[in-house]
Amino acid sequence: MTIGKNNKMMAHLGYRMKVIVQDSRTFVGYFKAFDKHMNVILSDCEEVRKIKPKPGKKLVNEEEKRTLGLILLRGDKIISISVDGPAQKDDDSRVPKAGGTGGPGQARPANRTVPQVPAGAPIGMQGALGGHGVPNMQQPYGVPPMGQRPY
């Protein structure tokens, strides 16, 4: 059984991931989302850059770190994605799951219903009403009622 790329990525949502981009920067953060272009969203992210030594100095590998927070990395600039640590634990306690029971302070639909209109022809298209100067549909024009003489 083969596993698709999207299923592999979905299995790592919430994990601490290490992403290396084309300009040799490294981003480490919690993997939150991705899309069809492999754009990636990381939360609580740190950027790590390796500083090249200047000419005439000793070879010392220095790293510069900075905290970025929530970031979006463009998919066409990503070279590699790897797992750096376990999934975040406190995420489940903060965000309620969909379909849970409602309570005070939680959004719910208003349960408004649309009034039912009786079926039939639209108003104005029903025909004439009896007793308003127009003969009703059962009585044809020009024929007097039974037992009456025409004038």
N, C-alpha and C. Protein backbone atom coordinates (compact mmCIF):
# COMPACT_ATOMS: atom_id res chain seq x y z
N MET A 1 0.85 -1.18 0.00
CA MET A 1 0.00 0.00 0.00
C MET A 1 0.89 1.24 0.00
N THR A 2 0.65 2.16 -0.93
CA THR A 2 1.45 3.37 -0.99
C THR A 2 0.79 4.48 -0.19
N ILE A 3 1.61 5.32 0.37
CA ILE A 3 1.12 6.46 1.14
C ILE A 3 1.43 7.71 0.36
N GLY A 4 0.42 8.55 0.13
CA GLY A 4 0.61 9.77 -0.63
C GLY A 4 1.38 10.82 0.16
N LYS A 5 1.87 11.82 -0.59
CA LYS A 5 2.64 12.90 0.02
C LYS A 5 1.81 13.67 1.05
N ASN A 6 0.54 13.92 0.73
CA ASN A 6 -0.32 14.66 1.66
C ASN A 6 -0.54 13.89 2.95
N ASN A 7 -0.71 12.57 2.86
CA ASN A 7 -0.90 11.77 4.07
C ASN A 7 0.35 11.78 4.94
N LYS A 8 1.52 11.76 4.32
CA LYS A 8 2.76 11.83 5.09
C LYS A 8 2.86 13.16 5.81
N MET A 9 2.51 14.22 5.11
CA MET A 9 2.59 15.56 5.72
C MET A 9 1.55 15.70 6.83
N MET A 10 0.35 15.17 6.63
CA MET A 10 -0.70 15.25 7.65
C MET A 10 -0.29 14.53 8.93
N ALA A 11 0.47 13.45 8.79
CA ALA A 11 0.90 12.69 9.96
C ALA A 11 1.86 13.49 10.83
N HIS A 12 2.50 14.52 10.27
CA HIS A 12 3.48 15.30 11.02
C HIS A 12 2.94 16.64 11.52
N LEU A 13 1.66 16.92 11.30
CA LEU A 13 1.09 18.18 11.80
C LEU A 13 1.21 18.23 13.32
N GLY A 14 1.68 19.36 13.82
CA GLY A 14 1.84 19.54 15.26
C GLY A 14 3.24 19.20 15.75
N TYR A 15 4.03 18.48 14.97
CA TYR A 15 5.39 18.11 15.37
C TYR A 15 6.32 19.32 15.27
N ARG A 16 7.40 19.27 16.03
CA ARG A 16 8.45 20.27 15.91
C ARG A 16 9.29 19.88 14.69
N MET A 17 9.36 20.77 13.70
CA MET A 17 10.01 20.46 12.43
C MET A 17 11.17 21.41 12.17
N LYS A 18 12.13 20.92 11.40
CA LYS A 18 13.29 21.70 10.98
C LYS A 18 13.20 21.84 9.47
N VAL A 19 13.16 23.08 8.98
CA VAL A 19 13.01 23.35 7.55
C VAL A 19 14.24 24.12 7.08
N ILE A 20 14.89 23.62 6.04
CA ILE A 20 16.05 24.30 5.47
C ILE A 20 15.62 24.90 4.13
N VAL A 21 15.94 26.18 3.93
CA VAL A 21 15.56 26.87 2.69
C VAL A 21 16.81 27.10 1.83
N GLN A 22 16.61 27.62 0.62
CA GLN A 22 17.67 27.72 -0.39
C GLN A 22 18.86 28.57 0.03
N ASP A 23 18.64 29.60 0.82
CA ASP A 23 19.76 30.47 1.21
C ASP A 23 20.46 29.97 2.47
N SER A 24 20.33 28.69 2.78
CA SER A 24 20.97 27.96 3.88
C SER A 24 20.51 28.39 5.26
N ARG A 25 19.40 29.10 5.34
CA ARG A 25 18.82 29.37 6.66
C ARG A 25 18.04 28.15 7.11
N THR A 26 17.92 28.00 8.43
CA THR A 26 17.17 26.88 9.01
C THR A 26 16.09 27.45 9.91
N PHE A 27 14.89 26.94 9.76
CA PHE A 27 13.76 27.36 10.60
C PHE A 27 13.31 26.16 11.41
N VAL A 28 13.14 26.37 12.71
CA VAL A 28 12.68 25.29 13.59
C VAL A 28 11.43 25.79 14.30
N GLY A 29 10.32 25.05 14.15
CA GLY A 29 9.06 25.45 14.78
C GLY A 29 8.04 24.33 14.68
N TYR A 30 6.86 24.59 15.24
CA TYR A 30 5.79 23.60 15.23
C TYR A 30 5.03 23.69 13.92
N PHE A 31 4.92 22.56 13.24
CA PHE A 31 4.30 22.44 11.92
C PHE A 31 2.79 22.54 12.05
N LYS A 32 2.19 23.60 11.50
CA LYS A 32 0.76 23.84 11.65
C LYS A 32 -0.05 23.53 10.39
N ALA A 33 0.48 23.86 9.20
CA ALA A 33 -0.32 23.69 7.99
C ALA A 33 0.59 23.65 6.76
N PHE A 34 0.01 23.15 5.65
CA PHE A 34 0.68 23.14 4.36
C PHE A 34 -0.39 23.17 3.28
N ASP A 35 0.02 23.43 2.04
CA ASP A 35 -0.94 23.43 0.94
C ASP A 35 -0.35 22.70 -0.27
N LYS A 36 -1.03 22.80 -1.41
CA LYS A 36 -0.63 22.03 -2.59
C LYS A 36 0.72 22.49 -3.16
N HIS A 37 1.14 23.72 -2.84
CA HIS A 37 2.43 24.22 -3.30
C HIS A 37 3.54 23.90 -2.29
N MET A 38 3.18 23.22 -1.21
CA MET A 38 4.07 22.89 -0.10
C MET A 38 4.54 24.14 0.64
N ASN A 39 3.72 25.21 0.59
CA ASN A 39 3.94 26.33 1.49
C ASN A 39 3.68 25.80 2.89
N VAL A 40 4.49 26.21 3.86
CA VAL A 40 4.45 25.63 5.20
C VAL A 40 4.27 26.74 6.22
N ILE A 41 3.42 26.49 7.22
CA ILE A 41 3.25 27.43 8.33
C ILE A 41 3.85 26.79 9.58
N LEU A 42 4.74 27.53 10.24
CA LEU A 42 5.37 27.10 11.48
C LEU A 42 5.03 28.10 12.58
N SER A 43 4.72 27.59 13.77
CA SER A 43 4.48 28.49 14.91
C SER A 43 5.62 28.36 15.90
N ASP A 44 5.77 29.35 16.77
CA ASP A 44 6.86 29.40 17.76
C ASP A 44 8.19 29.13 17.06
N CYS A 45 8.42 29.81 15.96
CA CYS A 45 9.54 29.50 15.09
C CYS A 45 10.79 30.30 15.47
N GLU A 46 11.94 29.67 15.26
CA GLU A 46 13.24 30.31 15.41
C GLU A 46 13.99 30.15 14.10
N GLU A 47 14.70 31.22 13.72
CA GLU A 47 15.56 31.16 12.54
C GLU A 47 16.99 30.98 13.01
N VAL A 48 17.72 30.06 12.39
CA VAL A 48 19.12 29.82 12.72
C VAL A 48 19.93 30.06 11.45
N ARG A 49 20.89 31.00 11.54
CA ARG A 49 21.76 31.28 10.39
C ARG A 49 23.20 30.97 10.77
N LYS A 50 23.89 30.33 9.88
CA LYS A 50 25.32 30.08 10.09
C LYS A 50 26.09 31.26 9.50
N ILE A 51 26.93 31.87 10.33
CA ILE A 51 27.69 33.03 9.90
C ILE A 51 29.04 32.57 9.36
N LYS A 52 29.35 33.01 8.15
CA LYS A 52 30.63 32.64 7.53
C LYS A 52 31.73 33.52 8.13
N PRO A 53 32.90 32.93 8.41
CA PRO A 53 33.99 33.75 8.94
C PRO A 53 34.53 34.70 7.88
N LYS A 54 34.94 35.89 8.33
CA LYS A 54 35.49 36.88 7.41
C LYS A 54 36.92 36.48 7.03
N PRO A 55 37.37 36.92 5.88
CA PRO A 55 38.74 36.57 5.46
C PRO A 55 39.77 37.10 6.48
N GLY A 56 40.78 36.29 6.77
CA GLY A 56 41.82 36.68 7.71
C GLY A 56 41.52 36.30 9.14
N LYS A 57 40.36 35.71 9.42
CA LYS A 57 40.02 35.28 10.78
C LYS A 57 40.05 33.77 10.85
N LYS A 58 40.06 33.26 12.09
CA LYS A 58 40.04 31.81 12.29
C LYS A 58 38.71 31.23 11.82
N LEU A 59 38.72 29.96 11.48
CA LEU A 59 37.49 29.28 11.11
C LEU A 59 36.70 28.97 12.37
N VAL A 60 35.70 29.76 12.63
CA VAL A 60 34.82 29.54 13.78
C VAL A 60 33.40 29.47 13.24
N ASN A 61 32.72 28.38 13.51
CA ASN A 61 31.34 28.24 13.07
C ASN A 61 30.44 28.92 14.08
N GLU A 62 29.92 30.07 13.72
CA GLU A 62 29.02 30.79 14.61
C GLU A 62 27.60 30.66 14.07
N GLU A 63 26.66 30.63 14.99
CA GLU A 63 25.24 30.59 14.63
C GLU A 63 24.54 31.78 15.24
N GLU A 64 23.65 32.34 14.49
CA GLU A 64 22.85 33.47 14.97
C GLU A 64 21.40 33.01 15.00
N LYS A 65 20.76 33.12 16.17
CA LYS A 65 19.37 32.70 16.32
C LYS A 65 18.50 33.93 16.54
N ARG A 66 17.31 33.87 16.01
CA ARG A 66 16.32 34.90 16.33
C ARG A 66 14.93 34.28 16.34
N THR A 67 14.09 34.76 17.23
CA THR A 67 12.72 34.24 17.37
C THR A 67 11.81 34.99 16.42
N LEU A 68 11.00 34.24 15.67
CA LEU A 68 10.12 34.84 14.67
C LEU A 68 8.64 34.69 15.01
N GLY A 69 8.25 33.65 15.71
CA GLY A 69 6.84 33.43 16.01
C GLY A 69 6.17 32.61 14.92
N LEU A 70 5.03 33.11 14.39
CA LEU A 70 4.27 32.41 13.35
C LEU A 70 4.76 32.87 11.98
N ILE A 71 5.18 31.93 11.14
CA ILE A 71 5.70 32.29 9.82
C ILE A 71 5.12 31.39 8.74
N LEU A 72 5.18 31.89 7.50
CA LEU A 72 4.81 31.11 6.32
C LEU A 72 6.06 31.01 5.45
N LEU A 73 6.45 29.80 5.12
CA LEU A 73 7.60 29.57 4.24
C LEU A 73 7.09 29.16 2.87
N ARG A 74 7.59 29.83 1.85
CA ARG A 74 7.18 29.55 0.48
C ARG A 74 7.73 28.20 0.03
N GLY A 75 6.86 27.39 -0.56
CA GLY A 75 7.21 26.02 -0.90
C GLY A 75 8.32 25.88 -1.92
N ASP A 76 8.43 26.81 -2.87
CA ASP A 76 9.47 26.66 -3.89
C ASP A 76 10.86 27.03 -3.38
N LYS A 77 10.97 27.57 -2.17
CA LYS A 77 12.27 27.90 -1.58
C LYS A 77 12.74 26.84 -0.58
N ILE A 78 11.88 25.87 -0.26
CA ILE A 78 12.21 24.85 0.75
C ILE A 78 13.06 23.75 0.11
N ILE A 79 14.15 23.39 0.79
CA ILE A 79 15.01 22.30 0.33
C ILE A 79 14.69 21.02 1.08
N SER A 80 14.57 21.12 2.42
CA SER A 80 14.33 19.90 3.19
C SER A 80 13.47 20.19 4.41
N ILE A 81 12.67 19.19 4.78
CA ILE A 81 11.84 19.25 5.99
C ILE A 81 12.11 17.97 6.76
N SER A 82 12.42 18.12 8.06
CA SER A 82 12.66 16.93 8.88
C SER A 82 12.08 17.15 10.27
N VAL A 83 11.79 16.04 10.95
CA VAL A 83 11.23 16.10 12.31
C VAL A 83 12.37 16.45 13.27
N ASP A 84 12.13 17.45 14.13
CA ASP A 84 13.13 17.89 15.09
C ASP A 84 12.75 17.53 16.52
N GLY A 85 11.45 17.28 16.75
CA GLY A 85 11.02 16.95 18.10
C GLY A 85 9.58 16.47 18.10
N PRO A 86 9.08 16.10 19.28
CA PRO A 86 7.71 15.57 19.38
C PRO A 86 6.66 16.67 19.19
N ALA A 87 5.41 16.23 19.10
CA ALA A 87 4.30 17.16 18.91
C ALA A 87 4.11 18.01 20.16
N GLN A 88 3.51 19.17 19.95
CA GLN A 88 3.24 20.10 21.04
C GLN A 88 2.12 19.53 21.91
N LYS A 89 2.26 19.58 23.22
CA LYS A 89 1.30 18.95 24.13
C LYS A 89 0.12 19.86 24.46
N ASP A 90 0.36 21.15 24.71
CA ASP A 90 -0.71 22.00 25.23
C ASP A 90 -1.67 22.50 24.16
N ASP A 91 -1.48 22.14 22.90
CA ASP A 91 -2.34 22.62 21.82
C ASP A 91 -3.76 22.09 21.96
N ASP A 92 -3.93 20.83 22.39
CA ASP A 92 -5.26 20.24 22.48
C ASP A 92 -6.09 20.87 23.59
N SER A 93 -5.46 21.32 24.66
CA SER A 93 -6.23 21.86 25.78
C SER A 93 -6.76 23.26 25.48
N ARG A 94 -6.10 24.02 24.59
CA ARG A 94 -6.52 25.38 24.32
C ARG A 94 -7.62 25.46 23.27
N VAL A 95 -7.57 24.63 22.27
CA VAL A 95 -8.48 24.73 21.14
C VAL A 95 -9.56 23.66 21.25
N PRO A 96 -10.85 24.06 21.38
CA PRO A 96 -11.90 23.04 21.43
C PRO A 96 -12.08 22.38 20.08
N LYS A 97 -12.43 21.12 20.08
CA LYS A 97 -12.65 20.37 18.85
C LYS A 97 -14.02 20.70 18.27
N ALA A 98 -14.14 20.59 16.96
CA ALA A 98 -15.40 20.86 16.29
C ALA A 98 -16.43 19.80 16.67
N GLY A 99 -17.68 20.23 16.82
CA GLY A 99 -18.75 19.29 17.14
C GLY A 99 -18.88 19.02 18.62
N GLY A 100 -18.11 19.71 19.44
CA GLY A 100 -18.20 19.53 20.89
C GLY A 100 -19.47 20.15 21.43
N THR A 101 -19.76 19.89 22.69
CA THR A 101 -20.96 20.46 23.29
C THR A 101 -20.77 21.95 23.49
N GLY A 102 -21.82 22.71 23.27
CA GLY A 102 -21.76 24.15 23.43
C GLY A 102 -21.92 24.54 24.88
N GLY A 103 -21.55 25.72 25.18
CA GLY A 103 -21.66 26.23 26.53
C GLY A 103 -21.68 27.74 26.49
N PRO A 104 -21.71 28.37 27.67
CA PRO A 104 -21.70 29.83 27.66
C PRO A 104 -20.38 30.33 27.06
N GLY A 105 -20.49 31.36 26.24
CA GLY A 105 -19.30 31.91 25.62
C GLY A 105 -18.85 31.17 24.38
N GLN A 106 -19.65 30.23 23.91
CA GLN A 106 -19.29 29.48 22.71
C GLN A 106 -20.34 29.76 21.64
N ALA A 107 -19.90 29.97 20.41
CA ALA A 107 -20.81 30.33 19.32
C ALA A 107 -21.67 29.14 18.91
N ARG A 108 -22.95 29.42 18.72
CA ARG A 108 -23.90 28.42 18.23
C ARG A 108 -24.84 29.09 17.23
N PRO A 109 -25.45 28.35 16.31
CA PRO A 109 -26.41 28.96 15.39
C PRO A 109 -27.67 29.39 16.13
N ALA A 110 -28.38 30.40 15.60
CA ALA A 110 -29.52 30.99 16.28
C ALA A 110 -30.80 30.17 16.18
N ASN A 111 -30.87 29.15 15.35
CA ASN A 111 -32.04 28.28 15.19
C ASN A 111 -33.29 29.07 14.78
N ARG A 112 -33.13 29.91 13.78
CA ARG A 112 -34.27 30.65 13.25
C ARG A 112 -34.83 29.87 12.07
N THR A 113 -36.17 29.79 11.99
CA THR A 113 -36.78 29.07 10.88
C THR A 113 -37.48 30.04 9.96
N VAL A 114 -37.62 29.67 8.71
CA VAL A 114 -38.31 30.48 7.72
C VAL A 114 -39.78 30.13 7.79
N PRO A 115 -40.70 31.13 7.88
CA PRO A 115 -42.13 30.81 7.94
C PRO A 115 -42.59 30.10 6.67
N GLN A 116 -43.47 29.13 6.84
CA GLN A 116 -43.97 28.37 5.71
C GLN A 116 -45.14 29.11 5.06
N VAL A 117 -45.09 29.27 3.74
CA VAL A 117 -46.14 29.91 2.97
C VAL A 117 -46.97 28.80 2.34
N PRO A 118 -48.33 28.89 2.44
CA PRO A 118 -49.14 27.83 1.84
C PRO A 118 -48.88 27.73 0.33
N ALA A 119 -48.90 26.50 -0.16
CA ALA A 119 -48.64 26.27 -1.58
C ALA A 119 -49.82 26.76 -2.41
N GLY A 120 -49.55 27.21 -3.60
CA GLY A 120 -50.60 27.67 -4.49
C GLY A 120 -50.02 28.69 -5.46
N ALA A 121 -50.91 29.33 -6.20
CA ALA A 121 -50.47 30.34 -7.14
C ALA A 121 -49.98 31.57 -6.38
N PRO A 122 -49.05 32.31 -6.95
CA PRO A 122 -48.58 33.54 -6.29
C PRO A 122 -49.72 34.54 -6.14
N ILE A 123 -49.61 35.40 -5.15
CA ILE A 123 -50.64 36.40 -4.90
C ILE A 123 -50.72 37.31 -6.13
N GLY A 124 -51.93 37.63 -6.56
CA GLY A 124 -52.13 38.42 -7.75
C GLY A 124 -52.37 37.57 -8.98
N MET A 125 -52.07 36.29 -8.91
CA MET A 125 -52.26 35.39 -10.04
C MET A 125 -53.32 34.34 -9.74
N GLN A 126 -54.10 34.53 -8.66
CA GLN A 126 -55.04 33.51 -8.23
C GLN A 126 -56.39 33.60 -8.94
N GLY A 127 -56.68 34.69 -9.57
CA GLY A 127 -57.98 34.85 -10.21
C GLY A 127 -58.85 35.77 -9.37
N ALA A 128 -60.06 36.03 -9.86
CA ALA A 128 -60.96 36.96 -9.18
C ALA A 128 -61.61 36.30 -7.97
N LEU A 129 -61.87 37.14 -6.96
CA LEU A 129 -62.58 36.66 -5.78
C LEU A 129 -64.07 36.90 -5.97
N GLY A 130 -64.90 36.02 -5.42
CA GLY A 130 -66.35 36.16 -5.57
C GLY A 130 -66.89 37.36 -4.80
N GLY A 131 -67.94 38.04 -5.36
CA GLY A 131 -68.59 39.15 -4.69
C GLY A 131 -67.89 40.48 -4.85
N HIS A 132 -67.00 40.62 -5.77
CA HIS A 132 -66.28 41.87 -5.96
C HIS A 132 -66.54 42.45 -7.34
N GLY A 133 -67.69 42.24 -7.91
CA GLY A 133 -68.06 42.83 -9.18
C GLY A 133 -67.61 42.02 -10.38
N VAL A 134 -66.99 40.91 -10.18
CA VAL A 134 -66.53 40.08 -11.28
C VAL A 134 -67.15 38.72 -11.08
N PRO A 135 -67.74 38.14 -12.14
CA PRO A 135 -68.33 36.82 -11.95
C PRO A 135 -67.26 35.79 -11.61
N ASN A 136 -67.66 34.84 -10.79
CA ASN A 136 -66.68 33.81 -10.43
C ASN A 136 -66.49 32.84 -11.59
N MET A 137 -65.57 31.91 -11.46
CA MET A 137 -65.17 31.05 -12.56
C MET A 137 -66.24 30.05 -12.99
N GLN A 138 -67.18 29.69 -12.12
CA GLN A 138 -68.17 28.69 -12.48
C GLN A 138 -69.27 29.26 -13.40
N GLN A 139 -69.48 30.55 -13.33
CA GLN A 139 -70.57 31.14 -14.11
C GLN A 139 -70.02 31.74 -15.39
N PRO A 140 -70.40 31.16 -16.57
CA PRO A 140 -69.90 31.72 -17.82
C PRO A 140 -70.55 33.07 -18.12
N TYR A 141 -69.86 33.92 -18.86
CA TYR A 141 -70.39 35.23 -19.24
C TYR A 141 -71.56 35.04 -20.22
N GLY A 142 -72.52 35.90 -20.16
CA GLY A 142 -73.61 35.92 -21.13
C GLY A 142 -74.70 34.90 -20.90
N VAL A 143 -74.62 34.02 -19.98
CA VAL A 143 -75.68 33.06 -19.71
C VAL A 143 -76.31 33.45 -18.38
N PRO A 144 -77.64 33.75 -18.39
CA PRO A 144 -78.26 34.14 -17.13
C PRO A 144 -78.37 32.95 -16.18
N PRO A 145 -78.43 33.21 -14.91
CA PRO A 145 -78.59 32.12 -13.95
C PRO A 145 -79.89 31.37 -14.20
N MET A 146 -79.97 30.14 -13.76
CA MET A 146 -81.14 29.30 -13.99
C MET A 146 -82.37 29.92 -13.32
N GLY A 147 -83.43 29.97 -14.04
CA GLY A 147 -84.69 30.46 -13.51
C GLY A 147 -84.86 31.97 -13.63
N GLN A 148 -83.96 32.66 -14.22
CA GLN A 148 -84.09 34.10 -14.38
C GLN A 148 -84.20 34.42 -15.87
N ARG A 149 -84.94 35.50 -16.16
CA ARG A 149 -85.07 35.92 -17.53
C ARG A 149 -84.05 37.01 -17.84
N PRO A 150 -83.56 36.99 -19.04
CA PRO A 150 -82.67 38.10 -19.40
C PRO A 150 -83.46 39.38 -19.56
N TYR A 151 -82.94 40.52 -19.33
CA TYR A 151 -83.61 41.82 -19.43
C TYR A 151 -83.72 42.28 -20.83
